[in-house]
Amino acid sequence: MTILYWLNVIGLAVFAISGALMAARLKMDPFGVVVLAALTSIGGGTIRDIILDVPQVFWIEDPSYLNTIIITALVTMVFVNYLHRIPEKLLLIADAAGLALFSVLGAQKALLYGAPGEIAVVMGVITGAAGGILRDVVCRQIPMVLRKDIYATACLLSCVTYTGLLLIDVDDLTASLVGIGAGFILRLAAIQWHLQLPAYQLRRRS
């Protein structure tokens, strides 16, 4: 199996943990935990594959991805049962890791299907951020991407770093790891130090 396959599995598992932790915070039943974990994990990649007109959406082509999500969600449920409370930062860190991983993987898949660099970046941002948006909307939360927090910007940094390194002939694995690391570090920094983009406001005329 290729490194790309295992990176996809890791990304799915990390996002599944993020979704399952959110479900646990909202006291959902086991079915709800699995559904939210799956929505978070495969939502962005499904939208990407539909836009790219891929012959078969990735998790339909390989059902082992769904098995990974279900197992991860159930293991997370067992783990959560041993905790008295769910640390807020645990959810944010899991989400940050999935965000960076899937952003690069989304851009990578778009390039494999012949998309130009700019489109690959957009597909990467969709892959990284859309699953979290769906999770937050279903849970009636304001999506992180719509807050002032640095979120989609971290996706963008991962994708631009990855595609930029490929342009200067850096090998794909190195470009992937550096791109993932760049987005992950930026998102962690935003969480740790509450970094935010400036809010857009219309100035009132005096």
C-alpha atoms as a PDB file:
ATOM      1  CA  MET A   1       0.000   0.000   0.000  1.00  0.00           C
ATOM      2  CA  THR A   2       1.214   3.492  -0.831  1.00  0.00           C
ATOM      3  CA  ILE A   3       2.144   6.318   1.519  1.00  0.00           C
ATOM      4  CA  LEU A   4      -0.818   8.263   0.059  1.00  0.00           C
ATOM      5  CA  TYR A   5      -3.198   5.520   1.199  1.00  0.00           C
ATOM      6  CA  TRP A   6      -1.847   5.501   4.751  1.00  0.00           C
ATOM      7  CA  LEU A   7      -1.919   9.289   4.963  1.00  0.00           C
ATOM      8  CA  ASN A   8      -5.586   9.109   3.968  1.00  0.00           C
ATOM      9  CA  VAL A   9      -6.253   6.526   6.673  1.00  0.00           C
ATOM     10  CA  ILE A  10      -4.479   8.648   9.288  1.00  0.00           C
ATOM     11  CA  GLY A  11      -6.366  11.757   8.172  1.00  0.00           C
ATOM     12  CA  LEU A  12      -9.708   9.950   8.343  1.00  0.00           C
ATOM     13  CA  ALA A  13      -8.908   8.612  11.807  1.00  0.00           C
ATOM     14  CA  VAL A  14      -7.872  12.007  13.134  1.00  0.00           C
ATOM     15  CA  PHE A  15     -10.979  13.726  11.782  1.00  0.00           C
ATOM     16  CA  ALA A  16     -13.124  10.845  13.067  1.00  0.00           C
ATOM     17  CA  ILE A  17     -11.702  11.488  16.543  1.00  0.00           C
ATOM     18  CA  SER A  18     -12.586  15.164  16.162  1.00  0.00           C
ATOM     19  CA  GLY A  19     -16.170  14.341  15.184  1.00  0.00           C
ATOM     20  CA  ALA A  20     -16.550  11.703  17.904  1.00  0.00           C
ATOM     21  CA  LEU A  21     -15.263  14.104  20.573  1.00  0.00           C
ATOM     22  CA  MET A  22     -17.777  16.722  19.485  1.00  0.00           C
ATOM     23  CA  ALA A  23     -20.543  14.114  19.622  1.00  0.00           C
ATOM     24  CA  ALA A  24     -19.438  13.097  23.118  1.00  0.00           C
ATOM     25  CA  ARG A  25     -19.553  16.709  24.289  1.00  0.00           C
ATOM     26  CA  LEU A  26     -23.134  16.929  23.036  1.00  0.00           C
ATOM     27  CA  LYS A  27     -24.021  13.560  24.670  1.00  0.00           C
ATOM     28  CA  MET A  28     -25.064  11.814  21.464  1.00  0.00           C
ATOM     29  CA  ASP A  29     -25.836   8.096  21.327  1.00  0.00           C
ATOM     30  CA  PRO A  30     -23.373   5.646  19.683  1.00  0.00           C
ATOM     31  CA  PHE A  31     -25.100   5.949  16.298  1.00  0.00           C
ATOM     32  CA  GLY A  32     -24.825   9.733  16.465  1.00  0.00           C
ATOM     33  CA  VAL A  33     -21.138   9.457  17.376  1.00  0.00           C
ATOM     34  CA  VAL A  34     -20.389   7.299  14.317  1.00  0.00           C
ATOM     35  CA  VAL A  35     -22.468   9.516  11.994  1.00  0.00           C
ATOM     36  CA  LEU A  36     -20.757  12.702  13.172  1.00  0.00           C
ATOM     37  CA  ALA A  37     -17.324  11.064  12.941  1.00  0.00           C
ATOM     38  CA  ALA A  38     -18.083   9.963   9.366  1.00  0.00           C
ATOM     39  CA  LEU A  39     -19.483  13.352   8.370  1.00  0.00           C
ATOM     40  CA  THR A  40     -16.356  15.099   9.646  1.00  0.00           C
ATOM     41  CA  SER A  41     -14.015  12.599   7.998  1.00  0.00           C
ATOM     42  CA  ILE A  42     -15.465  12.110   4.529  1.00  0.00           C
ATOM     43  CA  GLY A  43     -17.510  15.288   4.010  1.00  0.00           C
ATOM     44  CA  GLY A  44     -14.731  17.403   2.499  1.00  0.00           C
ATOM     45  CA  GLY A  45     -13.274  14.616   0.378  1.00  0.00           C
ATOM     46  CA  THR A  46     -16.720  13.717  -0.973  1.00  0.00           C
ATOM     47  CA  ILE A  47     -17.379  17.302  -2.080  1.00  0.00           C
ATOM     48  CA  ARG A  48     -13.898  17.426  -3.669  1.00  0.00           C
ATOM     49  CA  ASP A  49     -14.420  14.195  -5.617  1.00  0.00           C
ATOM     50  CA  ILE A  50     -17.821  15.346  -6.901  1.00  0.00           C
ATOM     51  CA  ILE A  51     -16.383  18.668  -8.094  1.00  0.00           C
ATOM     52  CA  LEU A  52     -13.418  16.929  -9.746  1.00  0.00           C
ATOM     53  CA  ASP A  53     -15.850  14.462 -11.386  1.00  0.00           C
ATOM     54  CA  VAL A  54     -13.893  11.507 -10.051  1.00  0.00           C
ATOM     55  CA  PRO A  55     -15.391   8.238 -11.431  1.00  0.00           C
ATOM     56  CA  GLN A  56     -16.058   6.948  -7.913  1.00  0.00           C
ATOM     57  CA  VAL A  57     -15.963   8.798  -4.585  1.00  0.00           C
ATOM     58  CA  PHE A  58     -12.972   7.565  -2.577  1.00  0.00           C
ATOM     59  CA  TRP A  59     -14.837   5.893   0.295  1.00  0.00           C
ATOM     60  CA  ILE A  60     -17.221   4.096  -2.080  1.00  0.00           C
ATOM     61  CA  GLU A  61     -14.280   2.795  -4.101  1.00  0.00           C
ATOM     62  CA  ASP A  62     -12.559   1.509  -0.937  1.00  0.00           C
ATOM     63  CA  PRO A  63     -14.958   0.629   1.940  1.00  0.00           C
ATOM     64  CA  SER A  64     -11.983   0.120   4.299  1.00  0.00           C
ATOM     65  CA  TYR A  65     -12.083   3.890   4.840  1.00  0.00           C
ATOM     66  CA  LEU A  66     -15.540   3.548   6.403  1.00  0.00           C
ATOM     67  CA  ASN A  67     -14.295   0.692   8.581  1.00  0.00           C
ATOM     68  CA  THR A  68     -11.486   2.954   9.807  1.00  0.00           C
ATOM     69  CA  ILE A  69     -13.992   5.652  10.744  1.00  0.00           C
ATOM     70  CA  ILE A  70     -16.312   3.255  12.603  1.00  0.00           C
ATOM     71  CA  ILE A  71     -13.485   1.621  14.557  1.00  0.00           C
ATOM     72  CA  THR A  72     -11.935   4.981  15.422  1.00  0.00           C
ATOM     73  CA  ALA A  73     -15.282   6.387  16.582  1.00  0.00           C
ATOM     74  CA  LEU A  74     -15.964   3.373  18.804  1.00  0.00           C
ATOM     75  CA  VAL A  75     -12.469   3.414  20.313  1.00  0.00           C
ATOM     76  CA  THR A  76     -12.850   7.146  20.991  1.00  0.00           C
ATOM     77  CA  MET A  77     -16.153   6.450  22.769  1.00  0.00           C
ATOM     78  CA  VAL A  78     -14.458   3.910  25.028  1.00  0.00           C
ATOM     79  CA  PHE A  79     -11.635   6.349  25.756  1.00  0.00           C
ATOM     80  CA  VAL A  80     -14.048   9.186  26.537  1.00  0.00           C
ATOM     81  CA  ASN A  81     -15.895   6.971  29.038  1.00  0.00           C
ATOM     82  CA  TYR A  82     -12.754   6.927  31.186  1.00  0.00           C
ATOM     83  CA  LEU A  83     -12.558  10.729  31.271  1.00  0.00           C
ATOM     84  CA  HIS A  84     -14.578  12.900  33.602  1.00  0.00           C
ATOM     85  CA  ARG A  85     -14.557  15.684  31.031  1.00  0.00           C
ATOM     86  CA  ILE A  86     -13.319  16.244  27.487  1.00  0.00           C
ATOM     87  CA  PRO A  87     -10.549  18.848  27.291  1.00  0.00           C
ATOM     88  CA  GLU A  88     -11.473  21.552  24.779  1.00  0.00           C
ATOM     89  CA  LYS A  89      -7.929  21.615  23.416  1.00  0.00           C
ATOM     90  CA  LEU A  90      -8.046  17.888  22.647  1.00  0.00           C
ATOM     91  CA  LEU A  91     -10.844  18.494  20.155  1.00  0.00           C
ATOM     92  CA  LEU A  92      -9.052  21.508  18.672  1.00  0.00           C
ATOM     93  CA  ILE A  93      -5.721  19.659  18.302  1.00  0.00           C
ATOM     94  CA  ALA A  94      -7.387  16.641  16.659  1.00  0.00           C
ATOM     95  CA  ASP A  95      -9.205  18.983  14.305  1.00  0.00           C
ATOM     96  CA  ALA A  96      -5.967  20.872  13.515  1.00  0.00           C
ATOM     97  CA  ALA A  97      -4.143  17.666  12.625  1.00  0.00           C
ATOM     98  CA  GLY A  98      -6.940  16.500  10.322  1.00  0.00           C
ATOM     99  CA  LEU A  99      -7.180  19.952   8.803  1.00  0.00           C
ATOM    100  CA  ALA A 100      -3.527  20.049   7.755  1.00  0.00           C
ATOM    101  CA  LEU A 101      -3.426  16.436   6.583  1.00  0.00           C
ATOM    102  CA  PHE A 102      -6.554  16.587   4.451  1.00  0.00           C
ATOM    103  CA  SER A 103      -5.684  19.970   2.957  1.00  0.00           C
ATOM    104  CA  VAL A 104      -2.491  18.560   1.464  1.00  0.00           C
ATOM    105  CA  LEU A 105      -4.142  15.280   0.454  1.00  0.00           C
ATOM    106  CA  GLY A 106      -6.932  17.189  -1.286  1.00  0.00           C
ATOM    107  CA  ALA A 107      -4.467  19.293  -3.257  1.00  0.00           C
ATOM    108  CA  GLN A 108      -2.467  16.174  -4.063  1.00  0.00           C
ATOM    109  CA  LYS A 109      -5.498  14.333  -5.463  1.00  0.00           C
ATOM    110  CA  ALA A 110      -6.531  17.342  -7.542  1.00  0.00           C
ATOM    111  CA  LEU A 111      -3.057  17.451  -9.113  1.00  0.00           C
ATOM    112  CA  LEU A 112      -3.251  13.710  -9.820  1.00  0.00           C
ATOM    113  CA  TYR A 113      -6.439  14.363 -11.801  1.00  0.00           C
ATOM    114  CA  GLY A 114      -4.747  17.052 -13.872  1.00  0.00           C
ATOM    115  CA  ALA A 115      -6.003  20.180 -12.103  1.00  0.00           C
ATOM    116  CA  PRO A 116      -3.739  23.263 -12.284  1.00  0.00           C
ATOM    117  CA  GLY A 117      -2.028  24.486  -9.122  1.00  0.00           C
ATOM    118  CA  GLU A 118      -4.606  27.157  -8.279  1.00  0.00           C
ATOM    119  CA  ILE A 119      -7.491  24.683  -8.504  1.00  0.00           C
ATOM    120  CA  ALA A 120      -5.498  22.152  -6.463  1.00  0.00           C
ATOM    121  CA  VAL A 121      -5.169  24.735  -3.692  1.00  0.00           C
ATOM    122  CA  VAL A 122      -8.942  25.364  -3.719  1.00  0.00           C
ATOM    123  CA  MET A 123      -9.661  21.622  -3.663  1.00  0.00           C
ATOM    124  CA  GLY A 124      -7.254  21.234  -0.758  1.00  0.00           C
ATOM    125  CA  VAL A 125      -9.007  23.934   1.261  1.00  0.00           C
ATOM    126  CA  ILE A 126     -12.388  22.315   0.553  1.00  0.00           C
ATOM    127  CA  THR A 127     -11.083  18.897   1.574  1.00  0.00           C
ATOM    128  CA  GLY A 128      -9.605  20.230   4.793  1.00  0.00           C
ATOM    129  CA  ALA A 129     -12.360  22.585   5.907  1.00  0.00           C
ATOM    130  CA  ALA A 130     -15.690  21.280   4.554  1.00  0.00           C
ATOM    131  CA  GLY A 131     -15.966  18.278   6.874  1.00  0.00           C
ATOM    132  CA  GLY A 132     -15.531  20.494   9.925  1.00  0.00           C
ATOM    133  CA  ILE A 133     -18.111  22.928   8.557  1.00  0.00           C
ATOM    134  CA  LEU A 134     -20.642  20.108   8.114  1.00  0.00           C
ATOM    135  CA  ARG A 135     -19.905  18.835  11.632  1.00  0.00           C
ATOM    136  CA  ASP A 136     -20.408  22.259  13.184  1.00  0.00           C
ATOM    137  CA  VAL A 137     -23.606  22.987  11.212  1.00  0.00           C
ATOM    138  CA  VAL A 138     -25.156  19.655  12.241  1.00  0.00           C
ATOM    139  CA  CYS A 139     -24.208  20.406  15.857  1.00  0.00           C
ATOM    140  CA  ARG A 140     -25.666  23.933  15.541  1.00  0.00           C
ATOM    141  CA  GLN A 141     -22.296  25.525  16.214  1.00  0.00           C
ATOM    142  CA  ILE A 142     -20.853  28.506  14.363  1.00  0.00           C
ATOM    143  CA  PRO A 143     -18.373  26.846  11.955  1.00  0.00           C
ATOM    144  CA  MET A 144     -14.756  27.529  12.899  1.00  0.00           C
ATOM    145  CA  VAL A 145     -14.054  28.694   9.362  1.00  0.00           C
ATOM    146  CA  LEU A 146     -16.570  31.537   9.795  1.00  0.00           C
ATOM    147  CA  ARG A 147     -15.029  32.808  13.021  1.00  0.00           C
ATOM    148  CA  LYS A 148     -12.095  35.177  13.235  1.00  0.00           C
ATOM    149  CA  ASP A 149      -9.893  32.242  14.290  1.00  0.00           C
ATOM    150  CA  ILE A 150      -7.165  31.260  11.840  1.00  0.00           C
ATOM    151  CA  TYR A 151      -8.700  28.119  10.328  1.00  0.00           C
ATOM    152  CA  ALA A 152      -9.159  28.195   6.572  1.00  0.00           C
ATOM    153  CA  THR A 153      -5.931  30.226   6.469  1.00  0.00           C
ATOM    154  CA  ALA A 154      -4.109  27.192   7.889  1.00  0.00           C
ATOM    155  CA  CYS A 155      -5.604  25.065   5.086  1.00  0.00           C
ATOM    156  CA  LEU A 156      -4.457  27.630   2.565  1.00  0.00           C
ATOM    157  CA  LEU A 157      -0.926  27.694   3.973  1.00  0.00           C
ATOM    158  CA  SER A 158      -0.672  23.883   3.801  1.00  0.00           C
ATOM    159  CA  CYS A 159      -1.867  23.799   0.181  1.00  0.00           C
ATOM    160  CA  VAL A 160       0.225  26.724  -1.048  1.00  0.00           C
ATOM    161  CA  THR A 161       3.337  25.353   0.687  1.00  0.00           C
ATOM    162  CA  TYR A 162       2.799  21.904  -0.822  1.00  0.00           C
ATOM    163  CA  THR A 163       2.114  23.068  -4.386  1.00  0.00           C
ATOM    164  CA  GLY A 164       4.848  25.709  -4.191  1.00  0.00           C
ATOM    165  CA  LEU A 165       7.466  23.148  -3.185  1.00  0.00           C
ATOM    166  CA  LEU A 166       6.419  20.893  -6.057  1.00  0.00           C
ATOM    167  CA  LEU A 167       6.978  23.796  -8.459  1.00  0.00           C
ATOM    168  CA  ILE A 168      10.619  24.015  -7.394  1.00  0.00           C
ATOM    169  CA  ASP A 169      11.054  20.247  -7.880  1.00  0.00           C
ATOM    170  CA  VAL A 170      10.946  19.161  -4.232  1.00  0.00           C
ATOM    171  CA  ASP A 171       9.912  15.504  -4.050  1.00  0.00           C
ATOM    172  CA  ASP A 172       6.259  14.786  -3.271  1.00  0.00           C
ATOM    173  CA  LEU A 173       6.788  13.189   0.163  1.00  0.00           C
ATOM    174  CA  THR A 174       8.922  16.048   1.450  1.00  0.00           C
ATOM    175  CA  ALA A 175       6.507  18.634   0.025  1.00  0.00           C
ATOM    176  CA  SER A 176       3.601  16.814   1.684  1.00  0.00           C
ATOM    177  CA  LEU A 177       5.239  16.636   5.106  1.00  0.00           C
ATOM    178  CA  VAL A 178       6.359  20.270   5.023  1.00  0.00           C
ATOM    179  CA  GLY A 179       2.908  21.401   3.861  1.00  0.00           C
ATOM    180  CA  ILE A 180       1.176  19.401   6.591  1.00  0.00           C
ATOM    181  CA  GLY A 181       3.592  20.717   9.197  1.00  0.00           C
ATOM    182  CA  ALA A 182       3.148  24.344   8.124  1.00  0.00           C
ATOM    183  CA  GLY A 183      -0.637  24.282   8.394  1.00  0.00           C
ATOM    184  CA  PHE A 184      -0.630  22.285  11.634  1.00  0.00           C
ATOM    185  CA  ILE A 185       1.853  24.615  13.337  1.00  0.00           C
ATOM    186  CA  LEU A 186      -0.075  27.710  12.248  1.00  0.00           C
ATOM    187  CA  ARG A 187      -3.348  26.275  13.553  1.00  0.00           C
ATOM    188  CA  LEU A 188      -1.741  25.226  16.860  1.00  0.00           C
ATOM    189  CA  ALA A 189      -0.232  28.700  17.230  1.00  0.00           C
ATOM    190  CA  ALA A 190      -3.669  30.217  16.642  1.00  0.00           C
ATOM    191  CA  ILE A 191      -5.143  27.955  19.335  1.00  0.00           C
ATOM    192  CA  GLN A 192      -2.351  28.583  21.834  1.00  0.00           C
ATOM    193  CA  TRP A 193      -2.039  32.352  21.435  1.00  0.00           C
ATOM    194  CA  HIS A 194      -5.569  33.121  20.187  1.00  0.00           C
ATOM    195  CA  LEU A 195      -4.296  34.472  16.890  1.00  0.00           C
ATOM    196  CA  GLN A 196      -7.028  35.957  14.739  1.00  0.00           C
ATOM    197  CA  LEU A 197      -7.388  37.653  11.408  1.00  0.00           C
ATOM    198  CA  PRO A 198      -8.639  41.234  11.608  1.00  0.00           C
ATOM    199  CA  ALA A 199     -12.413  41.508  11.329  1.00  0.00           C
ATOM    200  CA  TYR A 200     -13.799  43.360   8.333  1.00  0.00           C
ATOM    201  CA  GLN A 201     -15.908  46.347   9.328  1.00  0.00           C
ATOM    202  CA  LEU A 202     -17.482  49.142   7.368  1.00  0.00           C
ATOM    203  CA  ARG A 203     -16.444  52.547   8.579  1.00  0.00           C
ATOM    204  CA  ARG A 204     -19.267  54.849   9.435  1.00  0.00           C
ATOM    205  CA  ARG A 205     -19.266  58.201   7.761  1.00  0.00           C
ATOM    206  CA  SER A 206     -19.092  61.062  10.221  1.00  0.00           C
END
